[in-house]
Structure formats: structure tokens, C-alpha cells
Amino acid sequence: MELKYTKHGDYFLPDLTLPKNDDRDIGVYGRRHCDYLKKHRKIVYINLLTSGKLHSYLADINEQATDRLLTAMEQMKKTQGITEELKAADQMAWVGAMNNIKACAEEIVLKELIYN
């Protein structure tokens, strides 16, 4: 690897550039995982940051977590018998059940992907 240097005053500084980041959003799960890496996995965080792969990694984590959340919610809806008929018949019961399902699915995602 050949480095080029530029003179700034009395010093020669290397001309370093970071690779281009993709335009994907890191989302809430990516930010949570980033905080986890900063606090508990500092070496992994530093390696990803200095290699320029942190943003892509966090965007991938966010996509995986979102997909896993939706899949878990659909599976829980089927096993608990939460249907559109329940939504039409008793909206408050449906909302309560869906909130419970989302909380449980999010806890699974956080344990499996974000804080692991």
C-alpha cells in the first residue's frame, strides 16, 4: 500500500480517505447496537469504525432486526389467534393483544441480535 503525503506547515500528513458509506438508515436497532458496542465491545466497535464498515454493519443489523421483529409478530399472531375478526369485534382487546405481541417480539429481537 502506497501512501501519499501532503506538507502542512513543517509536517507531512498522510492523505487518508474513508470509504463511501451507503445511504441506508441505521434505524433504532442500529443505534442501540452501536451503543452496546461502544459500552461492552469496544475493540469490535473500534475495528469497525477504523475500517469504515461501521455504518454498513449497523444498517445490516437494523434490517435483520426489523425482519426478525415482523416475522416473530406474525408467528405470535397466528399462535394466539389474533385475527382481523377480533379487530372488528373488539378493538380494545385487539390493541392490547398486539401491544403485548410487539413487546414480546421486540424483547426477543433485542436479546438475539442487538445485545449479543
PDB file of N, CA and C in Angstrom:
ATOM      1  N   MET A   1       0.848  -1.175   0.000  1.00  0.00           N
ATOM      2  CA  MET A   1       0.000   0.000   0.000  1.00  0.00           C
ATOM      3  C   MET A   1       0.892   1.234   0.000  1.00  0.00           C
ATOM      4  N   GLU A   2       0.651   2.100  -0.928  1.00  0.00           N
ATOM      5  CA  GLU A   2       1.455   3.304  -1.052  1.00  0.00           C
ATOM      6  C   GLU A   2       0.662   4.498  -0.536  1.00  0.00           C
ATOM      7  N   LEU A   3       1.254   5.230   0.397  1.00  0.00           N
ATOM      8  CA  LEU A   3       0.604   6.414   0.945  1.00  0.00           C
ATOM      9  C   LEU A   3       1.218   7.663   0.346  1.00  0.00           C
ATOM     10  N   LYS A   4       0.369   8.637   0.114  1.00  0.00           N
ATOM     11  CA  LYS A   4       0.841   9.943  -0.338  1.00  0.00           C
ATOM     12  C   LYS A   4       0.721  10.907   0.829  1.00  0.00           C
ATOM     13  N   TYR A   5       1.655  11.843   0.876  1.00  0.00           N
ATOM     14  CA  TYR A   5       1.697  12.787   1.975  1.00  0.00           C
ATOM     15  C   TYR A   5       1.593  14.205   1.444  1.00  0.00           C
ATOM     16  N   THR A   6       0.999  15.057   2.255  1.00  0.00           N
ATOM     17  CA  THR A   6       0.895  16.472   1.935  1.00  0.00           C
ATOM     18  C   THR A   6       1.562  17.261   3.051  1.00  0.00           C
ATOM     19  N   LYS A   7       2.321  18.277   2.661  1.00  0.00           N
ATOM     20  CA  LYS A   7       3.018  19.074   3.664  1.00  0.00           C
ATOM     21  C   LYS A   7       2.088  20.158   4.192  1.00  0.00           C
ATOM     22  N   HIS A   8       1.920  20.174   5.503  1.00  0.00           N
ATOM     23  CA  HIS A   8       1.132  21.192   6.195  1.00  0.00           C
ATOM     24  C   HIS A   8       2.063  21.852   7.205  1.00  0.00           C
ATOM     25  N   GLY A   9       2.502  23.050   6.889  1.00  0.00           N
ATOM     26  CA  GLY A   9       3.469  23.712   7.763  1.00  0.00           C
ATOM     27  C   GLY A   9       4.784  22.977   7.709  1.00  0.00           C
ATOM     28  N   ASP A  10       5.255  22.510   8.864  1.00  0.00           N
ATOM     29  CA  ASP A  10       6.509  21.764   8.943  1.00  0.00           C
ATOM     30  C   ASP A  10       6.301  20.247   8.929  1.00  0.00           C
ATOM     31  N   TYR A  11       5.070  19.816   8.798  1.00  0.00           N
ATOM     32  CA  TYR A  11       4.773  18.386   8.932  1.00  0.00           C
ATOM     33  C   TYR A  11       4.216  17.804   7.638  1.00  0.00           C
ATOM     34  N   PHE A  12       4.534  16.560   7.403  1.00  0.00           N
ATOM     35  CA  PHE A  12       3.933  15.801   6.309  1.00  0.00           C
ATOM     36  C   PHE A  12       2.848  14.904   6.900  1.00  0.00           C
ATOM     37  N   LEU A  13       1.614  15.108   6.444  1.00  0.00           N
ATOM     38  CA  LEU A  13       0.487  14.319   6.932  1.00  0.00           C
ATOM     39  C   LEU A  13      -0.004  13.403   5.826  1.00  0.00           C
ATOM     40  N   PRO A  14      -0.387  12.165   6.166  1.00  0.00           N
ATOM     41  CA  PRO A  14      -0.854  11.237   5.124  1.00  0.00           C
ATOM     42  C   PRO A  14      -2.221  11.675   4.581  1.00  0.00           C
ATOM     43  N   ASP A  15      -2.431  11.454   3.300  1.00  0.00           N
ATOM     44  CA  ASP A  15      -3.705  11.745   2.653  1.00  0.00           C
ATOM     45  C   ASP A  15      -4.600  10.514   2.806  1.00  0.00           C
ATOM     46  N   LEU A  16      -5.394  10.491   3.864  1.00  0.00           N
ATOM     47  CA  LEU A  16      -6.263   9.363   4.154  1.00  0.00           C
ATOM     48  C   LEU A  16      -7.702   9.722   3.817  1.00  0.00           C
ATOM     49  N   THR A  17      -8.416   8.773   3.257  1.00  0.00           N
ATOM     50  CA  THR A  17      -9.838   8.977   2.979  1.00  0.00           C
ATOM     51  C   THR A  17     -10.613   7.762   3.470  1.00  0.00           C
ATOM     52  N   LEU A  18     -11.817   8.001   3.912  1.00  0.00           N
ATOM     53  CA  LEU A  18     -12.690   6.927   4.338  1.00  0.00           C
ATOM     54  C   LEU A  18     -13.511   6.442   3.155  1.00  0.00           C
ATOM     55  N   PRO A  19     -13.861   5.162   3.133  1.00  0.00           N
ATOM     56  CA  PRO A  19     -14.702   4.679   2.042  1.00  0.00           C
ATOM     57  C   PRO A  19     -16.092   5.308   2.117  1.00  0.00           C
ATOM     58  N   LYS A  20     -16.777   5.368   0.977  1.00  0.00           N
ATOM     59  CA  LYS A  20     -18.118   5.956   0.932  1.00  0.00           C
ATOM     60  C   LYS A  20     -19.090   5.070   1.705  1.00  0.00           C
ATOM     61  N   ASN A  21     -19.939   5.712   2.500  1.00  0.00           N
ATOM     62  CA  ASN A  21     -20.979   4.995   3.226  1.00  0.00           C
ATOM     63  C   ASN A  21     -22.172   4.791   2.311  1.00  0.00           C
ATOM     64  N   ASP A  22     -22.873   3.694   2.528  1.00  0.00           N
ATOM     65  CA  ASP A  22     -24.109   3.528   1.780  1.00  0.00           C
ATOM     66  C   ASP A  22     -25.174   4.427   2.396  1.00  0.00           C
ATOM     67  N   ASP A  23     -26.239   4.627   1.672  1.00  0.00           N
ATOM     68  CA  ASP A  23     -27.261   5.577   2.101  1.00  0.00           C
ATOM     69  C   ASP A  23     -28.358   4.950   2.946  1.00  0.00           C
ATOM     70  N   ARG A  24     -28.151   3.729   3.395  1.00  0.00           N
ATOM     71  CA  ARG A  24     -29.174   3.083   4.207  1.00  0.00           C
ATOM     72  C   ARG A  24     -29.217   3.687   5.603  1.00  0.00           C
ATOM     73  N   ASP A  25     -30.402   3.703   6.173  1.00  0.00           N
ATOM     74  CA  ASP A  25     -30.602   4.226   7.519  1.00  0.00           C
ATOM     75  C   ASP A  25     -30.221   3.155   8.535  1.00  0.00           C
ATOM     76  N   ILE A  26     -29.551   3.551   9.614  1.00  0.00           N
ATOM     77  CA  ILE A  26     -29.188   2.563  10.630  1.00  0.00           C
ATOM     78  C   ILE A  26     -30.337   2.315  11.593  1.00  0.00           C
ATOM     79  N   GLY A  27     -31.306   3.179  11.659  1.00  0.00           N
ATOM     80  CA  GLY A  27     -32.515   2.951  12.439  1.00  0.00           C
ATOM     81  C   GLY A  27     -32.281   2.831  13.928  1.00  0.00           C
ATOM     82  N   VAL A  28     -33.356   2.529  14.626  1.00  0.00           N
ATOM     83  CA  VAL A  28     -33.310   2.462  16.082  1.00  0.00           C
ATOM     84  C   VAL A  28     -32.499   1.259  16.554  1.00  0.00           C
ATOM     85  N   TYR A  29     -32.618   0.143  15.859  1.00  0.00           N
ATOM     86  CA  TYR A  29     -31.881  -1.045  16.295  1.00  0.00           C
ATOM     87  C   TYR A  29     -30.386  -0.902  16.011  1.00  0.00           C
ATOM     88  N   GLY A  30     -30.036  -0.255  14.920  1.00  0.00           N
ATOM     89  CA  GLY A  30     -28.628   0.008  14.640  1.00  0.00           C
ATOM     90  C   GLY A  30     -28.012   0.927  15.676  1.00  0.00           C
ATOM     91  N   ARG A  31     -28.758   1.948  16.084  1.00  0.00           N
ATOM     92  CA  ARG A  31     -28.243   2.867  17.107  1.00  0.00           C
ATOM     93  C   ARG A  31     -28.103   2.170  18.463  1.00  0.00           C
ATOM     94  N   ARG A  32     -29.066   1.316  18.786  1.00  0.00           N
ATOM     95  CA  ARG A  32     -28.966   0.583  20.050  1.00  0.00           C
ATOM     96  C   ARG A  32     -27.765  -0.361  20.038  1.00  0.00           C
ATOM     97  N   HIS A  33     -27.553  -1.025  18.917  1.00  0.00           N
ATOM     98  CA  HIS A  33     -26.417  -1.935  18.821  1.00  0.00           C
ATOM     99  C   HIS A  33     -25.096  -1.157  18.867  1.00  0.00           C
ATOM    100  N   CYS A  34     -25.079   0.021  18.262  1.00  0.00           N
ATOM    101  CA  CYS A  34     -23.877   0.861  18.306  1.00  0.00           C
ATOM    102  C   CYS A  34     -23.562   1.252  19.751  1.00  0.00           C
ATOM    103  N   ASP A  35     -24.578   1.641  20.507  1.00  0.00           N
ATOM    104  CA  ASP A  35     -24.360   1.971  21.918  1.00  0.00           C
ATOM    105  C   ASP A  35     -23.847   0.766  22.689  1.00  0.00           C
ATOM    106  N   TYR A  36     -24.405  -0.413  22.391  1.00  0.00           N
ATOM    107  CA  TYR A  36     -23.943  -1.638  23.044  1.00  0.00           C
ATOM    108  C   TYR A  36     -22.470  -1.902  22.716  1.00  0.00           C
ATOM    109  N   LEU A  37     -22.106  -1.745  21.442  1.00  0.00           N
ATOM    110  CA  LEU A  37     -20.706  -1.965  21.050  1.00  0.00           C
ATOM    111  C   LEU A  37     -19.779  -0.981  21.744  1.00  0.00           C
ATOM    112  N   LYS A  38     -20.183   0.276  21.831  1.00  0.00           N
ATOM    113  CA  LYS A  38     -19.343   1.288  22.486  1.00  0.00           C
ATOM    114  C   LYS A  38     -19.095   0.971  23.955  1.00  0.00           C
ATOM    115  N   LYS A  39     -20.126   0.452  24.627  1.00  0.00           N
ATOM    116  CA  LYS A  39     -20.012   0.217  26.064  1.00  0.00           C
ATOM    117  C   LYS A  39     -19.417  -1.139  26.413  1.00  0.00           C
ATOM    118  N   HIS A  40     -19.744  -2.182  25.617  1.00  0.00           N
ATOM    119  CA  HIS A  40     -19.393  -3.533  26.031  1.00  0.00           C
ATOM    120  C   HIS A  40     -18.434  -4.255  25.085  1.00  0.00           C
ATOM    121  N   ARG A  41     -18.314  -3.819  23.866  1.00  0.00           N
ATOM    122  CA  ARG A  41     -17.438  -4.466  22.880  1.00  0.00           C
ATOM    123  C   ARG A  41     -16.602  -3.387  22.180  1.00  0.00           C
ATOM    124  N   LYS A  42     -15.771  -2.726  22.964  1.00  0.00           N
ATOM    125  CA  LYS A  42     -15.026  -1.568  22.462  1.00  0.00           C
ATOM    126  C   LYS A  42     -14.083  -1.917  21.316  1.00  0.00           C
ATOM    127  N   ILE A  43     -13.452  -3.062  21.382  1.00  0.00           N
ATOM    128  CA  ILE A  43     -12.500  -3.444  20.340  1.00  0.00           C
ATOM    129  C   ILE A  43     -13.218  -3.671  19.012  1.00  0.00           C
ATOM    130  N   VAL A  44     -14.363  -4.350  19.071  1.00  0.00           N
ATOM    131  CA  VAL A  44     -15.150  -4.576  17.848  1.00  0.00           C
ATOM    132  C   VAL A  44     -15.601  -3.240  17.270  1.00  0.00           C
ATOM    133  N   TYR A  45     -16.064  -2.341  18.137  1.00  0.00           N
ATOM    134  CA  TYR A  45     -16.503  -1.014  17.696  1.00  0.00           C
ATOM    135  C   TYR A  45     -15.362  -0.245  17.026  1.00  0.00           C
ATOM    136  N   ILE A  46     -14.201  -0.229  17.647  1.00  0.00           N
ATOM    137  CA  ILE A  46     -13.052   0.494  17.099  1.00  0.00           C
ATOM    138  C   ILE A  46     -12.625  -0.114  15.761  1.00  0.00           C
ATOM    139  N   ASN A  47     -12.601  -1.446  15.672  1.00  0.00           N
ATOM    140  CA  ASN A  47     -12.213  -2.098  14.415  1.00  0.00           C
ATOM    141  C   ASN A  47     -13.183  -1.765  13.283  1.00  0.00           C
ATOM    142  N   LEU A  48     -14.478  -1.804  13.572  1.00  0.00           N
ATOM    143  CA  LEU A  48     -15.465  -1.459  12.541  1.00  0.00           C
ATOM    144  C   LEU A  48     -15.364   0.009  12.151  1.00  0.00           C
ATOM    145  N   LEU A  49     -15.157   0.864  13.142  1.00  0.00           N
ATOM    146  CA  LEU A  49     -15.064   2.296  12.879  1.00  0.00           C
ATOM    147  C   LEU A  49     -13.843   2.643  12.038  1.00  0.00           C
ATOM    148  N   THR A  50     -12.701   2.100  12.395  1.00  0.00           N
ATOM    149  CA  THR A  50     -11.472   2.441  11.670  1.00  0.00           C
ATOM    150  C   THR A  50     -11.402   1.790  10.295  1.00  0.00           C
ATOM    151  N   SER A  51     -12.100   0.675  10.103  1.00  0.00           N
ATOM    152  CA  SER A  51     -12.103   0.043   8.784  1.00  0.00           C
ATOM    153  C   SER A  51     -13.144   0.670   7.856  1.00  0.00           C
ATOM    154  N   GLY A  52     -14.007   1.518   8.398  1.00  0.00           N
ATOM    155  CA  GLY A  52     -15.028   2.170   7.585  1.00  0.00           C
ATOM    156  C   GLY A  52     -16.249   1.299   7.331  1.00  0.00           C
ATOM    157  N   LYS A  53     -16.400   0.227   8.094  1.00  0.00           N
ATOM    158  CA  LYS A  53     -17.514  -0.705   7.881  1.00  0.00           C
ATOM    159  C   LYS A  53     -18.622  -0.557   8.908  1.00  0.00           C
ATOM    160  N   LEU A  54     -18.498   0.387   9.820  1.00  0.00           N
ATOM    161  CA  LEU A  54     -19.459   0.508  10.914  1.00  0.00           C
ATOM    162  C   LEU A  54     -20.862   0.815  10.405  1.00  0.00           C
ATOM    163  N   HIS A  55     -20.999   1.776   9.513  1.00  0.00           N
ATOM    164  CA  HIS A  55     -22.321   2.181   9.026  1.00  0.00           C
ATOM    165  C   HIS A  55     -23.022   1.026   8.306  1.00  0.00           C
ATOM    166  N   SER A  56     -22.315   0.324   7.455  1.00  0.00           N
ATOM    167  CA  SER A  56     -22.897  -0.809   6.731  1.00  0.00           C
ATOM    168  C   SER A  56     -23.312  -1.912   7.706  1.00  0.00           C
ATOM    169  N   TYR A  57     -22.462  -2.171   8.674  1.00  0.00           N
ATOM    170  CA  TYR A  57     -22.740  -3.197   9.674  1.00  0.00           C
ATOM    171  C   TYR A  57     -24.004  -2.849  10.462  1.00  0.00           C
ATOM    172  N   LEU A  58     -24.121  -1.592  10.896  1.00  0.00           N
ATOM    173  CA  LEU A  58     -25.283  -1.182  11.670  1.00  0.00           C
ATOM    174  C   LEU A  58     -26.556  -1.185  10.825  1.00  0.00           C
ATOM    175  N   ALA A  59     -26.447  -0.812   9.555  1.00  0.00           N
ATOM    176  CA  ALA A  59     -27.607  -0.870   8.662  1.00  0.00           C
ATOM    177  C   ALA A  59     -28.057  -2.315   8.460  1.00  0.00           C
ATOM    178  N   ASP A  60     -27.109  -3.236   8.337  1.00  0.00           N
ATOM    179  CA  ASP A  60     -27.454  -4.662   8.217  1.00  0.00           C
ATOM    180  C   ASP A  60     -28.140  -5.168   9.488  1.00  0.00           C
ATOM    181  N   ILE A  61     -27.624  -4.792  10.633  1.00  0.00           N
ATOM    182  CA  ILE A  61     -28.235  -5.193  11.904  1.00  0.00           C
ATOM    183  C   ILE A  61     -29.665  -4.661  11.988  1.00  0.00           C
ATOM    184  N   ASN A  62     -29.872  -3.413  11.588  1.00  0.00           N
ATOM    185  CA  ASN A  62     -31.206  -2.827  11.633  1.00  0.00           C
ATOM    186  C   ASN A  62     -32.172  -3.592  10.725  1.00  0.00           C
ATOM    187  N   GLU A  63     -31.734  -3.929   9.517  1.00  0.00           N
ATOM    188  CA  GLU A  63     -32.588  -4.673   8.595  1.00  0.00           C
ATOM    189  C   GLU A  63     -32.915  -6.064   9.143  1.00  0.00           C
ATOM    190  N   GLN A  64     -31.912  -6.750   9.685  1.00  0.00           N
ATOM    191  CA  GLN A  64     -32.142  -8.080  10.250  1.00  0.00           C
ATOM    192  C   GLN A  64     -33.106  -8.011  11.434  1.00  0.00           C
ATOM    193  N   ALA A  65     -32.928  -7.013  12.295  1.00  0.00           N
ATOM    194  CA  ALA A  65     -33.780  -6.885  13.469  1.00  0.00           C
ATOM    195  C   ALA A  65     -35.221  -6.569  13.064  1.00  0.00           C
ATOM    196  N   THR A  66     -35.392  -5.703  12.085  1.00  0.00           N
ATOM    197  CA  THR A  66     -36.740  -5.364  11.627  1.00  0.00           C
ATOM    198  C   THR A  66     -37.424  -6.574  11.012  1.00  0.00           C
ATOM    199  N   ASP A  67     -36.709  -7.302  10.183  1.00  0.00           N
ATOM    200  CA  ASP A  67     -37.277  -8.510   9.579  1.00  0.00           C
ATOM    201  C   ASP A  67     -37.631  -9.543  10.641  1.00  0.00           C
ATOM    202  N   ARG A  68     -36.748  -9.730  11.600  1.00  0.00           N
ATOM    203  CA  ARG A  68     -36.994 -10.705  12.671  1.00  0.00           C
ATOM    204  C   ARG A  68     -38.182 -10.288  13.522  1.00  0.00           C
ATOM    205  N   LEU A  69     -38.328  -8.989  13.784  1.00  0.00           N
ATOM    206  CA  LEU A  69     -39.453  -8.482  14.569  1.00  0.00           C
ATOM    207  C   LEU A  69     -40.771  -8.767  13.857  1.00  0.00           C
ATOM    208  N   LEU A  70     -40.838  -8.461  12.568  1.00  0.00           N
ATOM    209  CA  LEU A  70     -42.072  -8.691  11.816  1.00  0.00           C
ATOM    210  C   LEU A  70     -42.412 -10.177  11.733  1.00  0.00           C
ATOM    211  N   THR A  71     -41.400 -11.002  11.529  1.00  0.00           N
ATOM    212  CA  THR A  71     -41.626 -12.446  11.465  1.00  0.00           C
ATOM    213  C   THR A  71     -42.133 -12.982  12.802  1.00  0.00           C
ATOM    214  N   ALA A  72     -41.514 -12.567  13.883  1.00  0.00           N
ATOM    215  CA  ALA A  72     -41.929 -13.027  15.213  1.00  0.00           C
ATOM    216  C   ALA A  72     -43.347 -12.563  15.533  1.00  0.00           C
ATOM    217  N   MET A  73     -43.676 -11.331  15.151  1.00  0.00           N
ATOM    218  CA  MET A  73     -45.022 -10.826  15.406  1.00  0.00           C
ATOM    219  C   MET A  73     -46.069 -11.628  14.633  1.00  0.00           C
ATOM    220  N   GLU A  74     -45.781 -11.945  13.376  1.00  0.00           N
ATOM    221  CA  GLU A  74     -46.720 -12.733  12.578  1.00  0.00           C
ATOM    222  C   GLU A  74     -46.910 -14.128  13.163  1.00  0.00           C
ATOM    223  N   GLN A  75     -45.826 -14.747  13.600  1.00  0.00           N
ATOM    224  CA  GLN A  75     -45.920 -16.078  14.200  1.00  0.00           C
ATOM    225  C   GLN A  75     -46.724 -16.044  15.494  1.00  0.00           C
ATOM    226  N   MET A  76     -46.490 -15.020  16.314  1.00  0.00           N
ATOM    227  CA  MET A  76     -47.227 -14.907  17.569  1.00  0.00           C
ATOM    228  C   MET A  76     -48.705 -14.625  17.327  1.00  0.00           C
ATOM    229  N   LYS A  77     -49.013 -13.830  16.314  1.00  0.00           N
ATOM    230  CA  LYS A  77     -50.413 -13.562  15.983  1.00  0.00           C
ATOM    231  C   LYS A  77     -51.127 -14.851  15.603  1.00  0.00           C
ATOM    232  N   LYS A  78     -50.472 -15.690  14.821  1.00  0.00           N
ATOM    233  CA  LYS A  78     -51.086 -16.953  14.410  1.00  0.00           C
ATOM    234  C   LYS A  78     -51.282 -17.891  15.593  1.00  0.00           C
ATOM    235  N   THR A  79     -50.280 -18.010  16.448  1.00  0.00           N
ATOM    236  CA  THR A  79     -50.386 -18.955  17.567  1.00  0.00           C
ATOM    237  C   THR A  79     -51.393 -18.491  18.615  1.00  0.00           C
ATOM    238  N   GLN A  80     -51.559 -17.166  18.779  1.00  0.00           N
ATOM    239  CA  GLN A  80     -52.501 -16.657  19.773  1.00  0.00           C
ATOM    240  C   GLN A  80     -53.894 -16.422  19.196  1.00  0.00           C
ATOM    241  N   GLY A  81     -54.041 -16.608  17.883  1.00  0.00           N
ATOM    242  CA  GLY A  81     -55.357 -16.464  17.262  1.00  0.00           C
ATOM    243  C   GLY A  81     -55.832 -15.024  17.138  1.00  0.00           C
ATOM    244  N   ILE A  82     -54.921 -14.102  16.970  1.00  0.00           N
ATOM    245  CA  ILE A  82     -55.271 -12.702  16.786  1.00  0.00           C
ATOM    246  C   ILE A  82     -55.580 -12.495  15.307  1.00  0.00           C
ATOM    247  N   THR A  83     -56.839 -12.173  14.994  1.00  0.00           N
ATOM    248  CA  THR A  83     -57.270 -12.051  13.605  1.00  0.00           C
ATOM    249  C   THR A  83     -57.939 -10.702  13.363  1.00  0.00           C
ATOM    250  N   GLU A  84     -58.269 -10.484  12.109  1.00  0.00           N
ATOM    251  CA  GLU A  84     -58.989  -9.262  11.742  1.00  0.00           C
ATOM    252  C   GLU A  84     -60.423  -9.298  12.275  1.00  0.00           C
ATOM    253  N   GLU A  85     -60.961 -10.501  12.474  1.00  0.00           N
ATOM    254  CA  GLU A  85     -62.306 -10.615  13.050  1.00  0.00           C
ATOM    255  C   GLU A  85     -62.321 -10.083  14.485  1.00  0.00           C
ATOM    256  N   LEU A  86     -61.265 -10.383  15.239  1.00  0.00           N
ATOM    257  CA  LEU A  86     -61.147  -9.848  16.597  1.00  0.00           C
ATOM    258  C   LEU A  86     -61.032  -8.326  16.550  1.00  0.00           C
ATOM    259  N   LYS A  87     -60.290  -7.832  15.580  1.00  0.00           N
ATOM    260  CA  LYS A  87     -60.131  -6.378  15.434  1.00  0.00           C
ATOM    261  C   LYS A  87     -61.485  -5.719  15.175  1.00  0.00           C
ATOM    262  N   ALA A  88     -62.310  -6.346  14.343  1.00  0.00           N
ATOM    263  CA  ALA A  88     -63.624  -5.784  14.036  1.00  0.00           C
ATOM    264  C   ALA A  88     -64.584  -5.925  15.221  1.00  0.00           C
ATOM    265  N   ALA A  89     -64.469  -7.023  15.953  1.00  0.00           N
ATOM    266  CA  ALA A  89     -65.408  -7.279  17.048  1.00  0.00           C
ATOM    267  C   ALA A  89     -65.052  -6.506  18.317  1.00  0.00           C
ATOM    268  N   ASP A  90     -63.788  -6.531  18.717  1.00  0.00           N
ATOM    269  CA  ASP A  90     -63.373  -5.896  19.972  1.00  0.00           C
ATOM    270  C   ASP A  90     -62.013  -5.223  19.762  1.00  0.00           C
ATOM    271  N   GLN A  91     -62.049  -3.957  19.418  1.00  0.00           N
ATOM    272  CA  GLN A  91     -60.817  -3.240  19.076  1.00  0.00           C
ATOM    273  C   GLN A  91     -59.871  -3.113  20.253  1.00  0.00           C
ATOM    274  N   MET A  92     -60.386  -2.879  21.428  1.00  0.00           N
ATOM    275  CA  MET A  92     -59.510  -2.705  22.590  1.00  0.00           C
ATOM    276  C   MET A  92     -58.775  -4.002  22.937  1.00  0.00           C
ATOM    277  N   ALA A  93     -59.448  -5.121  22.824  1.00  0.00           N
ATOM    278  CA  ALA A  93     -58.789  -6.407  23.076  1.00  0.00           C
ATOM    279  C   ALA A  93     -57.719  -6.655  22.017  1.00  0.00           C
ATOM    280  N   TRP A  94     -58.018  -6.299  20.775  1.00  0.00           N
ATOM    281  CA  TRP A  94     -57.054  -6.481  19.685  1.00  0.00           C
ATOM    282  C   TRP A  94     -55.820  -5.610  19.915  1.00  0.00           C
ATOM    283  N   VAL A  95     -56.037  -4.344  20.279  1.00  0.00           N
ATOM    284  CA  VAL A  95     -54.916  -3.424  20.525  1.00  0.00           C
ATOM    285  C   VAL A  95     -54.061  -3.928  21.685  1.00  0.00           C
ATOM    286  N   GLY A  96     -54.695  -4.371  22.755  1.00  0.00           N
ATOM    287  CA  GLY A  96     -53.948  -4.894  23.895  1.00  0.00           C
ATOM    288  C   GLY A  96     -53.127  -6.118  23.524  1.00  0.00           C
ATOM    289  N   ALA A  97     -53.742  -7.023  22.754  1.00  0.00           N
ATOM    290  CA  ALA A  97     -53.025  -8.227  22.333  1.00  0.00           C
ATOM    291  C   ALA A  97     -51.860  -7.877  21.411  1.00  0.00           C
ATOM    292  N   MET A  98     -52.059  -6.948  20.488  1.00  0.00           N
ATOM    293  CA  MET A  98     -50.992  -6.562  19.562  1.00  0.00           C
ATOM    294  C   MET A  98     -49.851  -5.852  20.286  1.00  0.00           C
ATOM    295  N   ASN A  99     -50.183  -5.031  21.262  1.00  0.00           N
ATOM    296  CA  ASN A  99     -49.130  -4.380  22.054  1.00  0.00           C
ATOM    297  C   ASN A  99     -48.308  -5.411  22.824  1.00  0.00           C
ATOM    298  N   ASN A 100     -48.979  -6.402  23.368  1.00  0.00           N
ATOM    299  CA  ASN A 100     -48.282  -7.468  24.080  1.00  0.00           C
ATOM    300  C   ASN A 100     -47.380  -8.249  23.127  1.00  0.00           C
ATOM    301  N   ILE A 101     -47.903  -8.575  21.959  1.00  0.00           N
ATOM    302  CA  ILE A 101     -47.124  -9.312  20.961  1.00  0.00           C
ATOM    303  C   ILE A 101     -45.903  -8.514  20.534  1.00  0.00           C
ATOM    304  N   LYS A 102     -46.086  -7.216  20.289  1.00  0.00           N
ATOM    305  CA  LYS A 102     -44.953  -6.394  19.854  1.00  0.00           C
ATOM    306  C   LYS A 102     -43.888  -6.303  20.940  1.00  0.00           C
ATOM    307  N   ALA A 103     -44.311  -6.159  22.186  1.00  0.00           N
ATOM    308  CA  ALA A 103     -43.349  -6.075  23.293  1.00  0.00           C
ATOM    309  C   ALA A 103     -42.559  -7.376  23.418  1.00  0.00           C
ATOM    310  N   CYS A 104     -43.250  -8.501  23.302  1.00  0.00           N
ATOM    311  CA  CYS A 104     -42.563  -9.796  23.406  1.00  0.00           C
ATOM    312  C   CYS A 104     -41.607 -10.013  22.234  1.00  0.00           C
ATOM    313  N   ALA A 105     -42.059  -9.678  21.031  1.00  0.00           N
ATOM    314  CA  ALA A 105     -41.216  -9.857  19.847  1.00  0.00           C
ATOM    315  C   ALA A 105     -40.000  -8.934  19.910  1.00  0.00           C
ATOM    316  N   GLU A 106     -40.195  -7.704  20.382  1.00  0.00           N
ATOM    317  CA  GLU A 106     -39.072  -6.775  20.477  1.00  0.00           C
ATOM    318  C   GLU A 106     -38.061  -7.256  21.515  1.00  0.00           C
ATOM    319  N   GLU A 107     -38.527  -7.834  22.600  1.00  0.00           N
ATOM    320  CA  GLU A 107     -37.607  -8.371  23.604  1.00  0.00           C
ATOM    321  C   GLU A 107     -36.773  -9.507  23.022  1.00  0.00           C
ATOM    322  N   ILE A 108     -37.399 -10.348  22.207  1.00  0.00           N
ATOM    323  CA  ILE A 108     -36.666 -11.436  21.548  1.00  0.00           C
ATOM    324  C   ILE A 108     -35.593 -10.875  20.629  1.00  0.00           C
ATOM    325  N   VAL A 109     -35.967  -9.877  19.825  1.00  0.00           N
ATOM    326  CA  VAL A 109     -35.013  -9.272  18.886  1.00  0.00           C
ATOM    327  C   VAL A 109     -33.851  -8.625  19.628  1.00  0.00           C
ATOM    328  N   LEU A 110     -34.156  -7.916  20.702  1.00  0.00           N
ATOM    329  CA  LEU A 110     -33.095  -7.255  21.459  1.00  0.00           C
ATOM    330  C   LEU A 110     -32.116  -8.267  22.050  1.00  0.00           C
ATOM    331  N   LYS A 111     -32.638  -9.383  22.570  1.00  0.00           N
ATOM    332  CA  LYS A 111     -31.759 -10.394  23.149  1.00  0.00           C
ATOM    333  C   LYS A 111     -30.949 -11.121  22.090  1.00  0.00           C
ATOM    334  N   GLU A 112     -31.580 -11.455  20.950  1.00  0.00           N
ATOM    335  CA  GLU A 112     -30.907 -12.256  19.930  1.00  0.00           C
ATOM    336  C   GLU A 112     -29.915 -11.455  19.100  1.00  0.00           C
ATOM    337  N   LEU A 113     -30.295 -10.254  18.702  1.00  0.00           N
ATOM    338  CA  LEU A 113     -29.471  -9.516  17.731  1.00  0.00           C
ATOM    339  C   LEU A 113     -28.759  -8.294  18.289  1.00  0.00           C
ATOM    340  N   ILE A 114     -29.413  -7.540  19.115  1.00  0.00           N
ATOM    341  CA  ILE A 114     -28.880  -6.235  19.497  1.00  0.00           C
ATOM    342  C   ILE A 114     -27.879  -6.347  20.642  1.00  0.00           C
ATOM    343  N   TYR A 115     -28.255  -7.016  21.715  1.00  0.00           N
ATOM    344  CA  TYR A 115     -27.391  -7.086  22.889  1.00  0.00           C
ATOM    345  C   TYR A 115     -26.710  -8.445  22.984  1.00  0.00           C
ATOM    346  N   ASN A 116     -26.127  -8.886  21.880  1.00  0.00           N
ATOM    347  CA  ASN A 116     -25.480 -10.180  21.857  1.00  0.00           C
ATOM    348  C   ASN A 116     -24.137 -10.067  21.159  1.00  0.00           C
TER     349      ASN A 116
END
